[in-house]
N, C-alpha and C. Protein backbone atom coordinates (compact mmCIF):
# COMPACT_ATOMS: atom_id res chain seq x y z
N MET A 1 -194.25 28.97 138.69
CA MET A 1 -192.92 28.92 138.09
C MET A 1 -192.22 28.13 137.53
N ASN A 2 -191.91 28.60 136.21
CA ASN A 2 -191.21 27.28 134.87
C ASN A 2 -190.21 26.76 135.93
N LYS A 3 -190.27 25.64 135.32
CA LYS A 3 -189.63 24.49 136.46
C LYS A 3 -188.03 24.79 136.08
N ARG A 4 -188.20 24.96 134.75
CA ARG A 4 -186.62 24.93 133.75
C ARG A 4 -185.54 26.35 134.64
N VAL A 5 -186.49 27.51 134.84
CA VAL A 5 -186.36 28.82 135.61
C VAL A 5 -185.53 28.66 136.62
N LEU A 6 -186.42 27.57 137.76
CA LEU A 6 -186.12 27.37 138.97
C LEU A 6 -185.10 26.88 139.51
N ILE A 7 -184.77 25.54 138.49
CA ILE A 7 -183.45 24.52 137.95
C ILE A 7 -182.09 25.49 138.14
N PHE A 8 -182.45 26.86 136.79
CA PHE A 8 -181.26 27.53 136.82
C PHE A 8 -181.36 28.42 138.06
N GLY A 9 -181.82 28.95 138.90
CA GLY A 9 -181.56 29.75 139.98
C GLY A 9 -181.19 29.05 140.67
N ILE A 10 -181.31 27.42 141.13
CA ILE A 10 -180.67 26.95 142.36
C ILE A 10 -179.19 26.91 141.98
N VAL A 11 -179.16 26.44 140.42
CA VAL A 11 -177.56 26.11 140.27
C VAL A 11 -176.88 27.76 140.07
N ILE A 12 -177.76 29.05 140.26
CA ILE A 12 -176.41 30.37 140.40
C ILE A 12 -176.39 30.55 141.35
N ILE A 13 -177.53 29.98 142.78
CA ILE A 13 -177.09 30.43 143.82
C ILE A 13 -175.99 29.66 144.73
N ILE A 14 -175.80 27.88 143.53
CA ILE A 14 -174.45 27.22 144.32
C ILE A 14 -173.59 27.73 143.61
N VAL A 15 -173.31 28.08 142.82
CA VAL A 15 -171.77 28.78 142.11
C VAL A 15 -171.99 30.06 143.01
N ILE A 16 -172.33 30.61 142.97
CA ILE A 16 -172.27 31.69 144.29
C ILE A 16 -171.65 31.56 145.26
N LEU A 17 -172.50 30.66 145.92
CA LEU A 17 -172.13 30.26 147.05
C LEU A 17 -170.61 29.64 147.50
N GLY A 18 -170.43 28.49 146.40
CA GLY A 18 -169.29 27.72 145.98
C GLY A 18 -168.08 28.98 145.44
N ALA A 19 -168.63 30.18 144.84
CA ALA A 19 -167.27 31.76 144.53
C ALA A 19 -166.94 32.28 146.08
N LEU A 20 -168.05 32.14 147.04
CA LEU A 20 -167.71 32.93 148.15
C LEU A 20 -166.86 32.13 148.95
N ALA A 21 -167.02 30.44 149.14
CA ALA A 21 -166.47 29.68 150.00
C ALA A 21 -165.21 29.44 149.69
N SER A 22 -164.87 29.96 148.33
CA SER A 22 -163.65 29.53 147.38
C SER A 22 -162.84 31.29 147.74
N CYS A 23 -163.14 32.09 147.96
CA CYS A 23 -162.48 33.54 148.25
C CYS A 23 -162.18 33.49 149.63
N ASN A 24 -163.49 32.90 150.43
CA ASN A 24 -162.68 32.98 151.84
C ASN A 24 -161.58 32.19 151.99
N SER A 25 -161.54 30.43 151.99
CA SER A 25 -160.42 29.87 151.86
C SER A 25 -159.20 30.30 151.37
N ASN A 26 -159.26 31.19 150.22
CA ASN A 26 -158.04 31.74 149.73
C ASN A 26 -157.40 33.14 151.21
N SER A 27 -158.36 33.70 151.73
CA SER A 27 -158.20 34.66 152.51
C SER A 27 -157.09 34.90 153.56
N PRO A 28 -156.21 35.39 153.70
CA PRO A 28 -155.29 34.98 154.63
C PRO A 28 -156.21 35.32 155.99
N GLU A 29 -155.46 34.26 157.30
CA GLU A 29 -156.30 34.12 158.40
C GLU A 29 -155.71 35.86 159.10
N PRO A 30 -156.56 36.55 159.74
CA PRO A 30 -156.32 37.42 160.57
C PRO A 30 -155.19 37.12 161.45
N ASP A 31 -154.27 37.95 162.00
CA ASP A 31 -153.45 37.81 162.96
C ASP A 31 -153.91 37.15 164.11
N SER A 32 -153.44 36.55 165.10
CA SER A 32 -154.17 35.75 166.02
C SER A 32 -154.25 37.37 167.40
N GLU A 33 -153.24 38.26 167.12
CA GLU A 33 -152.60 39.08 167.95
C GLU A 33 -152.53 40.12 167.56
N PRO A 34 -152.75 41.23 168.17
CA PRO A 34 -152.98 42.41 167.78
C PRO A 34 -151.55 43.19 167.63
N PRO A 35 -151.27 44.15 166.73
CA PRO A 35 -149.70 44.58 166.84
C PRO A 35 -149.53 44.95 167.92
N LEU A 36 -148.01 45.19 168.25
CA LEU A 36 -147.71 46.11 169.47
C LEU A 36 -148.22 47.28 169.09
N PRO A 37 -148.36 48.38 170.05
CA PRO A 37 -148.73 49.69 169.98
C PRO A 37 -147.30 50.61 170.09
N ILE A 38 -146.94 51.25 169.11
CA ILE A 38 -145.79 51.78 168.65
C ILE A 38 -146.28 53.58 169.13
N LYS A 39 -145.47 54.35 170.23
CA LYS A 39 -146.00 55.49 170.17
C LYS A 39 -144.47 56.13 170.44
N GLU A 40 -144.56 58.18 170.01
CA GLU A 40 -143.54 58.21 169.58
C GLU A 40 -142.51 58.71 171.55
N LEU A 41 -141.47 58.36 171.42
CA LEU A 41 -140.81 58.32 172.97
C LEU A 41 -140.56 60.15 173.36
N PRO A 42 -140.92 60.33 174.33
CA PRO A 42 -141.08 62.17 174.91
C PRO A 42 -139.82 61.91 175.08
N VAL A 43 -139.17 62.97 174.70
CA VAL A 43 -138.15 63.87 174.65
C VAL A 43 -138.04 65.29 175.73
N THR A 44 -136.94 65.23 176.90
CA THR A 44 -137.18 66.32 177.48
C THR A 44 -136.15 67.85 176.38
N GLU A 45 -136.26 69.16 177.75
CA GLU A 45 -136.17 70.14 177.14
C GLU A 45 -134.51 70.02 176.70
N ASP A 46 -133.91 69.24 177.21
CA ASP A 46 -132.05 68.96 176.69
C ASP A 46 -131.88 68.09 175.52
N GLY A 47 -133.23 67.75 174.76
CA GLY A 47 -133.29 66.51 173.67
C GLY A 47 -132.76 65.01 174.01
N LEU A 48 -133.35 64.31 175.53
CA LEU A 48 -133.05 63.37 176.12
C LEU A 48 -134.04 62.77 175.80
N ILE A 49 -134.37 61.33 175.57
CA ILE A 49 -134.88 60.52 175.34
C ILE A 49 -135.58 60.50 176.82
N GLU A 50 -136.93 60.02 177.55
CA GLU A 50 -136.67 59.79 178.53
C GLU A 50 -138.04 58.68 178.73
N LEU A 51 -137.59 57.42 179.07
CA LEU A 51 -137.91 56.14 179.67
C LEU A 51 -138.28 55.81 180.66
N ASN A 52 -139.50 55.19 180.57
CA ASN A 52 -140.40 54.59 182.12
C ASN A 52 -139.75 53.42 181.79
N ILE A 53 -139.34 52.94 183.23
CA ILE A 53 -138.92 51.15 182.63
C ILE A 53 -139.27 50.75 184.22
N PRO A 54 -140.74 49.81 183.67
CA PRO A 54 -141.53 49.52 184.76
C PRO A 54 -140.60 48.04 185.69
N GLU A 55 -141.05 47.92 186.77
CA GLU A 55 -140.36 47.09 187.64
C GLU A 55 -139.89 45.86 187.83
N ILE A 56 -141.35 45.25 186.70
CA ILE A 56 -140.85 43.65 186.17
C ILE A 56 -140.10 43.68 185.39
N LEU A 57 -138.99 44.86 184.46
CA LEU A 57 -138.33 44.88 183.64
C LEU A 57 -136.61 44.85 184.75
N LEU A 58 -137.04 44.72 185.71
CA LEU A 58 -135.55 45.42 186.45
C LEU A 58 -134.54 44.38 186.67
N GLY A 59 -135.17 43.34 185.92
CA GLY A 59 -134.32 41.42 186.64
C GLY A 59 -134.49 41.06 187.85
N GLY A 60 -135.71 41.27 188.47
CA GLY A 60 -136.05 40.85 189.55
C GLY A 60 -135.26 41.73 190.78
N LYS A 61 -134.70 43.03 190.33
CA LYS A 61 -134.19 44.00 191.21
C LYS A 61 -135.04 44.90 191.64
N THR A 62 -134.70 45.66 192.63
CA THR A 62 -135.71 47.00 193.32
C THR A 62 -134.98 47.90 192.50
N ALA A 63 -135.77 49.20 192.61
CA ALA A 63 -135.64 50.18 191.47
C ALA A 63 -134.44 50.61 192.24
N GLU A 64 -133.74 50.40 193.50
CA GLU A 64 -132.93 50.97 194.69
C GLU A 64 -131.68 50.48 193.73
N GLU A 65 -131.92 48.92 194.03
CA GLU A 65 -131.00 48.07 193.61
C GLU A 65 -130.40 47.97 191.96
N PHE A 66 -131.33 48.58 190.94
CA PHE A 66 -131.12 48.58 189.83
C PHE A 66 -130.52 49.51 189.92
N TYR A 67 -130.85 50.76 190.23
CA TYR A 67 -129.63 52.48 190.12
C TYR A 67 -128.44 51.75 190.72
N ASN A 68 -128.31 51.61 192.36
CA ASN A 68 -127.19 50.96 192.61
C ASN A 68 -126.20 50.18 191.35
N SER A 69 -126.79 48.97 191.01
CA SER A 69 -126.22 48.37 189.67
C SER A 69 -125.23 49.63 188.90
N TYR A 70 -126.01 49.79 188.40
CA TYR A 70 -126.01 50.74 187.11
C TYR A 70 -124.89 52.04 187.46
N SER A 71 -125.10 52.35 188.48
CA SER A 71 -123.85 53.26 189.39
C SER A 71 -123.07 52.90 189.05
N ALA A 72 -122.91 51.51 189.52
CA ALA A 72 -121.13 50.59 189.70
C ALA A 72 -120.27 50.26 188.33
N ASN A 73 -121.40 50.48 187.42
CA ASN A 73 -121.31 49.73 186.10
C ASN A 73 -120.68 50.86 184.96
N THR A 74 -119.41 51.21 184.63
CA THR A 74 -118.85 52.24 183.57
C THR A 74 -119.23 52.01 182.37
N GLU A 75 -119.58 50.98 182.08
CA GLU A 75 -120.07 50.70 180.86
C GLU A 75 -121.33 51.12 179.88
N TYR A 76 -122.09 51.19 180.82
CA TYR A 76 -123.69 51.68 181.12
C TYR A 76 -123.79 52.94 181.47
N GLN A 77 -122.70 53.55 182.64
CA GLN A 77 -122.73 55.05 183.01
C GLN A 77 -122.18 56.06 181.73
N ASN A 78 -121.59 55.38 180.52
CA ASN A 78 -121.42 55.91 179.65
C ASN A 78 -122.64 55.75 178.43
N LEU A 79 -123.41 55.74 178.62
CA LEU A 79 -124.67 55.26 177.85
C LEU A 79 -125.71 55.86 178.42
N VAL A 80 -126.20 55.64 179.36
CA VAL A 80 -127.50 56.68 180.48
C VAL A 80 -126.84 57.65 181.20
N THR A 81 -127.76 58.57 180.79
CA THR A 81 -126.93 60.23 180.71
C THR A 81 -127.77 60.57 182.48
N GLY A 82 -129.00 59.56 182.72
CA GLY A 82 -129.77 60.00 183.97
C GLY A 82 -130.46 58.54 184.49
N LEU A 83 -130.33 58.36 185.59
CA LEU A 83 -131.33 57.36 186.29
C LEU A 83 -132.20 58.46 187.37
N ILE A 84 -133.47 57.93 187.49
CA ILE A 84 -134.44 58.42 188.53
C ILE A 84 -135.07 57.06 189.18
N VAL A 85 -135.37 57.66 190.27
CA VAL A 85 -135.67 56.26 190.75
C VAL A 85 -137.29 56.87 191.46
N ASN A 86 -138.53 55.91 190.55
CA ASN A 86 -139.54 56.80 191.24
C ASN A 86 -140.28 55.92 191.91
N SER A 87 -141.30 56.68 192.92
CA SER A 87 -142.08 55.69 193.75
C SER A 87 -142.77 54.76 193.78
N ASP A 88 -143.19 54.66 192.49
CA ASP A 88 -143.89 53.48 192.12
C ASP A 88 -143.10 52.11 192.06
N GLY A 89 -141.34 52.03 192.09
CA GLY A 89 -140.69 51.02 191.98
C GLY A 89 -140.23 51.18 190.06
N SER A 90 -140.76 52.08 189.46
CA SER A 90 -140.10 51.89 188.44
C SER A 90 -138.73 52.84 188.28
N ILE A 91 -138.31 52.85 186.99
CA ILE A 91 -137.34 54.00 186.89
C ILE A 91 -137.35 55.10 185.67
N THR A 92 -136.89 55.96 185.62
CA THR A 92 -136.71 56.99 184.66
C THR A 92 -135.48 56.63 184.32
N MET A 93 -135.38 56.47 182.69
CA MET A 93 -133.59 56.23 182.05
C MET A 93 -133.65 57.77 181.11
N LEU A 94 -133.00 58.21 180.96
CA LEU A 94 -132.40 59.34 180.07
C LEU A 94 -131.17 58.94 179.30
N LEU A 95 -131.55 59.13 178.15
CA LEU A 95 -130.26 58.50 177.32
C LEU A 95 -130.50 59.94 175.60
N SER A 96 -129.81 59.50 175.07
CA SER A 96 -129.53 60.52 174.00
C SER A 96 -130.11 59.50 173.12
N PRO A 97 -130.68 60.64 171.63
CA PRO A 97 -130.47 59.32 170.54
C PRO A 97 -129.92 58.35 170.33
N LYS A 98 -128.90 58.81 169.64
CA LYS A 98 -127.79 57.67 169.50
C LYS A 98 -127.35 57.18 170.21
N ASN A 99 -127.24 57.29 171.52
CA ASN A 99 -126.94 56.26 172.99
C ASN A 99 -128.00 55.48 173.21
N LEU A 100 -129.47 55.88 172.99
CA LEU A 100 -130.73 54.53 172.95
C LEU A 100 -130.52 53.65 171.67
N GLU A 101 -130.21 54.16 170.32
CA GLU A 101 -129.97 53.43 169.73
C GLU A 101 -128.94 52.11 169.96
N GLU A 102 -127.53 52.63 170.51
CA GLU A 102 -126.73 51.82 170.65
C GLU A 102 -126.73 50.62 171.90
N TYR A 103 -128.11 51.14 172.72
CA TYR A 103 -128.39 50.45 173.74
C TYR A 103 -129.41 49.43 173.30
N LYS A 104 -130.04 49.31 172.33
CA LYS A 104 -130.92 48.62 171.78
C LYS A 104 -130.44 47.79 170.84
N GLN A 105 -128.78 47.76 170.53
CA GLN A 105 -128.24 46.81 169.58
C GLN A 105 -127.37 46.18 170.44
N ARG A 106 -127.14 46.70 171.56
CA ARG A 106 -126.45 46.13 172.61
C ARG A 106 -127.65 44.81 173.25
N ILE A 107 -128.98 45.29 173.29
CA ILE A 107 -129.79 44.20 173.93
C ILE A 107 -130.23 43.32 172.82
N TYR A 108 -130.28 43.44 171.79
CA TYR A 108 -130.38 42.63 170.39
C TYR A 108 -129.42 41.87 170.51
N TYR A 109 -128.44 42.22 170.47
CA TYR A 109 -126.78 41.03 170.10
C TYR A 109 -126.65 40.27 171.25
N TYR A 110 -126.49 40.75 172.92
CA TYR A 110 -126.83 40.10 174.25
C TYR A 110 -127.78 39.02 174.46
N SER A 111 -129.22 39.36 173.66
CA SER A 111 -130.26 38.27 173.68
C SER A 111 -129.98 36.90 172.68
N GLN A 112 -129.02 37.12 171.89
CA GLN A 112 -128.82 35.82 170.70
C GLN A 112 -127.40 35.70 171.66
N PHE A 113 -127.49 34.21 173.16
CA PHE A 113 -126.78 34.00 174.17
C PHE A 113 -125.95 33.10 173.17
N ASP A 114 -126.07 32.54 171.95
CA ASP A 114 -125.39 31.47 171.56
C ASP A 114 -124.34 32.13 170.72
N LYS A 115 -124.55 33.56 170.70
CA LYS A 115 -123.50 34.07 169.69
C LYS A 115 -122.59 35.18 170.91
N SER A 116 -123.10 35.38 171.74
CA SER A 116 -122.76 36.39 172.87
C SER A 116 -122.39 35.97 174.18
N PHE A 117 -122.54 34.65 174.43
CA PHE A 117 -122.10 34.06 175.94
C PHE A 117 -121.29 32.21 175.82
N ASP A 118 -120.97 32.23 176.29
CA ASP A 118 -120.15 30.64 176.31
C ASP A 118 -121.10 29.60 176.67
N VAL A 119 -121.71 29.03 176.49
CA VAL A 119 -123.09 28.86 176.96
C VAL A 119 -123.26 27.01 176.48
N THR A 120 -123.76 25.79 177.03
CA THR A 120 -123.40 24.49 176.98
C THR A 120 -124.90 24.15 175.88
N SER A 121 -126.18 24.53 176.52
CA SER A 121 -127.29 23.77 175.93
C SER A 121 -127.96 24.97 175.38
N ILE A 122 -127.45 25.72 174.72
CA ILE A 122 -128.10 27.18 174.24
C ILE A 122 -127.75 27.00 172.42
N LYS A 123 -128.03 26.32 171.42
CA LYS A 123 -127.70 26.33 170.23
C LYS A 123 -128.04 27.66 169.71
N GLU A 124 -129.46 27.99 169.41
CA GLU A 124 -129.91 29.43 168.76
C GLU A 124 -130.85 30.04 169.04
N VAL A 125 -130.81 30.99 168.78
CA VAL A 125 -131.77 32.04 169.61
C VAL A 125 -132.94 32.63 168.54
N ILE A 126 -134.02 32.70 168.23
CA ILE A 126 -134.41 33.03 166.62
C ILE A 126 -135.54 33.98 166.94
N PHE A 127 -134.97 34.98 166.63
CA PHE A 127 -136.10 36.43 166.68
C PHE A 127 -136.99 36.11 165.40
N HIS A 128 -138.46 36.44 166.11
CA HIS A 128 -139.40 36.21 164.83
C HIS A 128 -139.86 37.31 164.09
N ASP A 129 -139.64 38.15 164.39
CA ASP A 129 -140.12 39.43 164.08
C ASP A 129 -139.15 40.58 164.87
N GLU A 130 -139.30 41.91 164.51
CA GLU A 130 -138.57 43.38 164.84
C GLU A 130 -138.88 43.64 166.14
N TYR A 131 -139.63 43.19 167.00
CA TYR A 131 -139.71 43.75 168.48
C TYR A 131 -139.50 42.69 168.94
N LEU A 132 -139.24 41.24 168.89
CA LEU A 132 -138.98 40.33 169.85
C LEU A 132 -140.40 39.68 170.21
N VAL A 133 -141.34 39.75 169.77
CA VAL A 133 -142.52 39.46 170.61
C VAL A 133 -142.33 37.94 170.50
N LYS A 134 -142.20 37.00 169.54
CA LYS A 134 -141.56 35.61 169.40
C LYS A 134 -140.75 35.60 169.15
N ILE A 135 -140.31 34.70 170.10
CA ILE A 135 -138.53 33.81 170.19
C ILE A 135 -138.72 32.66 170.59
N THR A 136 -138.27 31.89 169.38
CA THR A 136 -137.64 30.96 169.54
C THR A 136 -136.15 30.28 169.99
N VAL A 137 -136.43 29.29 170.79
CA VAL A 137 -134.92 29.16 171.51
C VAL A 137 -134.67 27.89 170.89
N LEU A 138 -133.60 27.38 170.58
CA LEU A 138 -132.94 25.93 170.06
C LEU A 138 -131.94 25.47 170.88
N VAL A 139 -132.58 24.46 171.87
CA VAL A 139 -131.39 23.99 172.90
C VAL A 139 -130.91 22.42 172.78
N ASP A 140 -130.13 22.12 173.40
CA ASP A 140 -129.83 20.52 173.45
C ASP A 140 -130.86 20.07 175.18
N SER A 141 -131.57 19.68 174.76
CA SER A 141 -132.63 19.41 175.75
C SER A 141 -132.17 18.51 176.79
N SER A 142 -131.18 17.72 176.65
CA SER A 142 -130.61 16.83 177.92
C SER A 142 -129.90 17.77 178.82
N LEU A 143 -128.76 18.69 178.08
CA LEU A 143 -128.55 19.91 178.66
C LEU A 143 -128.85 20.84 179.16
N TYR A 144 -129.98 20.97 178.87
CA TYR A 144 -130.87 22.38 179.31
C TYR A 144 -131.35 21.45 180.93
N ALA A 145 -132.25 20.23 180.43
CA ALA A 145 -132.76 19.90 181.90
C ALA A 145 -131.99 20.06 183.11
N GLN A 146 -130.66 20.17 182.49
CA GLN A 146 -129.72 19.96 184.07
C GLN A 146 -128.88 21.42 184.16
N ASN A 147 -129.25 22.18 183.59
CA ASN A 147 -128.45 23.70 183.56
C ASN A 147 -129.55 24.68 184.27
N GLY A 148 -129.67 25.02 185.23
CA GLY A 148 -130.87 26.10 185.97
C GLY A 148 -130.41 27.23 185.49
N PHE A 149 -129.05 27.85 185.28
CA PHE A 149 -128.56 28.75 184.96
C PHE A 149 -129.51 29.23 183.33
N GLU A 150 -129.48 28.35 182.48
CA GLU A 150 -129.35 28.85 181.28
C GLU A 150 -130.89 28.66 180.87
N LYS A 151 -131.38 28.02 181.91
CA LYS A 151 -133.03 27.72 181.98
C LYS A 151 -133.40 29.13 182.08
N GLN A 152 -133.16 30.18 182.96
CA GLN A 152 -133.21 31.24 183.34
C GLN A 152 -133.09 32.39 182.49
N MET A 153 -132.15 32.32 181.98
CA MET A 153 -131.07 32.71 180.61
C MET A 153 -132.47 32.91 179.40
N CYS A 154 -132.84 31.43 178.95
CA CYS A 154 -133.85 31.49 178.58
C CYS A 154 -135.23 32.05 178.38
N ASN A 155 -135.79 32.30 179.08
CA ASN A 155 -136.98 32.45 179.85
C ASN A 155 -137.19 33.54 180.71
N SER A 156 -136.87 34.29 182.12
CA SER A 156 -136.95 35.45 182.53
C SER A 156 -135.93 36.60 181.89
N LEU A 157 -134.68 36.05 181.52
CA LEU A 157 -133.55 37.10 181.45
C LEU A 157 -133.92 37.42 179.66
N LEU A 158 -134.19 36.66 178.94
CA LEU A 158 -134.57 36.72 177.80
C LEU A 158 -136.18 37.84 177.55
N ALA A 159 -136.67 37.00 178.40
CA ALA A 159 -138.24 38.37 178.32
C ALA A 159 -137.71 39.69 178.83
N ALA A 160 -137.11 39.87 179.92
CA ALA A 160 -136.87 41.10 180.52
C ALA A 160 -135.85 41.92 179.59
N ASN A 161 -134.92 41.03 178.56
CA ASN A 161 -134.30 41.65 177.32
C ASN A 161 -135.75 42.43 176.18
N ALA A 162 -136.46 41.28 176.07
CA ALA A 162 -137.04 41.86 174.95
C ALA A 162 -138.24 42.89 175.11
N GLY A 163 -138.85 42.71 176.71
CA GLY A 163 -139.33 44.38 177.00
C GLY A 163 -138.72 45.28 177.19
N MET A 164 -137.21 45.34 177.44
CA MET A 164 -137.04 46.16 177.48
C MET A 164 -136.44 46.86 176.10
N TYR A 165 -136.46 46.00 175.23
CA TYR A 165 -136.18 46.51 173.71
C TYR A 165 -137.67 46.85 173.08
N GLN A 166 -138.54 46.44 173.75
CA GLN A 166 -139.95 47.15 173.19
C GLN A 166 -139.68 48.48 173.75
N VAL A 167 -140.18 48.70 174.94
CA VAL A 167 -140.07 49.93 175.84
C VAL A 167 -139.39 51.06 174.85
N MET A 168 -138.13 50.36 174.75
CA MET A 168 -137.15 51.65 174.03
C MET A 168 -136.89 51.89 172.61
N SER A 169 -138.32 50.88 172.61
CA SER A 169 -138.77 51.49 170.80
C SER A 169 -140.03 52.13 170.81
N GLY A 170 -140.75 52.33 172.01
CA GLY A 170 -141.99 53.44 172.14
C GLY A 170 -143.45 52.48 172.53
N VAL A 171 -143.00 51.02 172.43
CA VAL A 171 -144.22 50.39 173.33
C VAL A 171 -144.46 50.60 174.89
N PRO A 172 -145.57 51.37 174.92
CA PRO A 172 -145.80 51.51 176.28
C PRO A 172 -145.67 50.60 177.45
N PRO A 173 -144.91 51.28 178.48
CA PRO A 173 -144.72 49.88 179.76
C PRO A 173 -145.45 48.90 180.44
N ASP A 174 -146.67 49.23 179.89
CA ASP A 174 -147.66 48.55 180.40
C ASP A 174 -148.24 47.37 179.38
N GLU A 175 -147.55 47.48 177.78
CA GLU A 175 -148.28 46.76 176.82
C GLU A 175 -147.23 46.12 176.26
N TRP A 176 -145.89 46.00 176.85
CA TRP A 176 -144.64 45.01 176.22
C TRP A 176 -145.14 43.61 176.49
N ARG A 177 -144.96 42.78 175.26
CA ARG A 177 -145.18 41.15 175.53
C ARG A 177 -144.25 40.17 175.05
N THR A 178 -144.42 39.15 175.03
CA THR A 178 -143.32 38.46 174.60
C THR A 178 -143.69 36.62 174.65
N THR A 179 -143.49 36.02 173.76
CA THR A 179 -143.53 34.33 174.26
C THR A 179 -142.45 33.72 173.36
N ILE A 180 -142.26 32.77 174.43
CA ILE A 180 -140.78 32.16 174.27
C ILE A 180 -140.98 31.04 174.42
N THR A 181 -140.58 30.30 172.70
CA THR A 181 -141.00 29.02 172.75
C THR A 181 -139.02 28.34 172.80
N ILE A 182 -139.22 27.03 173.52
CA ILE A 182 -137.94 26.57 174.01
C ILE A 182 -138.06 25.19 172.92
N LYS A 183 -137.30 24.97 172.47
CA LYS A 183 -137.76 23.47 171.21
C LYS A 183 -135.93 22.88 171.08
N ASP A 184 -136.33 21.21 171.19
CA ASP A 184 -135.13 20.87 171.26
C ASP A 184 -134.69 21.02 169.53
N SER A 185 -132.96 21.36 169.61
CA SER A 185 -133.00 21.45 168.21
C SER A 185 -132.40 20.50 167.44
N LEU A 186 -132.77 19.43 167.93
CA LEU A 186 -132.62 17.92 167.05
C LEU A 186 -134.25 17.55 166.81
N THR A 187 -135.09 17.58 167.45
CA THR A 187 -136.16 16.80 167.18
C THR A 187 -137.41 17.93 166.68
N SER A 188 -137.33 19.18 166.95
CA SER A 188 -137.98 20.34 167.33
C SER A 188 -139.25 19.89 168.45
N GLU A 189 -139.27 19.28 169.20
CA GLU A 189 -139.91 19.07 169.90
C GLU A 189 -140.15 19.95 171.09
N ILE A 190 -141.24 20.51 171.69
CA ILE A 190 -141.41 21.57 172.31
C ILE A 190 -141.06 21.23 173.79
N VAL A 191 -140.22 22.02 174.28
CA VAL A 191 -140.01 21.77 175.77
C VAL A 191 -140.32 22.74 176.27
N SER A 192 -141.21 24.10 176.22
CA SER A 192 -141.55 24.85 176.83
C SER A 192 -141.85 25.86 176.18
N GLU A 193 -143.16 26.57 176.76
CA GLU A 193 -143.63 27.60 175.94
C GLU A 193 -144.24 28.47 176.83
N ASN A 194 -144.04 29.90 177.35
CA ASN A 194 -144.29 30.74 178.10
C ASN A 194 -144.47 32.24 177.50
N GLU A 195 -145.41 32.56 178.11
CA GLU A 195 -145.94 34.32 178.02
C GLU A 195 -145.30 34.72 178.86
N PHE A 196 -144.91 35.93 178.64
CA PHE A 196 -144.43 37.63 179.40
C PHE A 196 -145.38 38.61 178.84
N PRO A 197 -145.25 39.34 179.92
CA PRO A 197 -144.90 39.47 181.52
C PRO A 197 -145.84 38.30 181.96
N CYS A 198 -145.13 38.12 183.09
CA CYS A 198 -146.28 37.14 183.88
C CYS A 198 -145.57 37.63 185.94
N LYS A 199 -146.81 36.94 186.53
CA LYS A 199 -146.48 37.37 187.81
C LYS A 199 -144.75 36.99 188.55
N ASP A 200 -145.10 35.61 188.34
CA ASP A 200 -143.72 34.95 188.61
C ASP A 200 -142.62 34.93 187.39
N MET A 201 -142.47 35.80 187.08
CA MET A 201 -141.26 36.05 186.09
C MET A 201 -140.32 35.83 186.11
N TYR A 202 -139.80 35.74 187.35
CA TYR A 202 -138.37 35.49 187.80
C TYR A 202 -138.12 34.77 188.81
N ARG A 203 -139.29 33.35 188.83
CA ARG A 203 -139.31 31.96 189.26
C ARG A 203 -137.98 31.15 188.71
N VAL A 204 -137.75 30.21 189.63
CA VAL A 204 -136.63 28.90 189.16
C VAL A 204 -137.40 28.37 187.73
N TYR A 205 -136.61 28.69 186.72
CA TYR A 205 -137.83 27.57 185.75
C TYR A 205 -136.45 26.35 185.76
């Protein structure tokens, strides 16, 4: 083979490899997590949305305890048309489409603890996506370390709210998930990071 042709061929290969490497470096990295599966919510013959709420989203209560607490709450009686206790520990919730959206809006608002509650250590709750899959909570870390109730709010309560919101948005009850990162509001240092659901979701944080 002619030496000049051989050198030209090697140069072409190097150029092609360089172009491929450049394309790969400029390509966006694929998401590390798959998107949430969103499915159409079942509707009864009466036009009510039928939701199955798993036991892990009942705030640490049994289905019976959850049912009793709702029965005693006039505000939620006006939203929820019916509650059914299931043998597997879950709850079936029946709502009109309008009330479903109202319920979701309340969850979204009340999950922003810095706006909806009188808290001392929680400075801001940040939702990074529409389904509350990634949440960052900015806190005064010194006050946060001493406040067990607000720790619970930022972890198990916030996770349960996110899971409920997702199920109400069409995520299958066994496929909801959220990651909650707690950061110091001044230094941005990570105080904790927890993935939910987990078996000890309602432990003392």
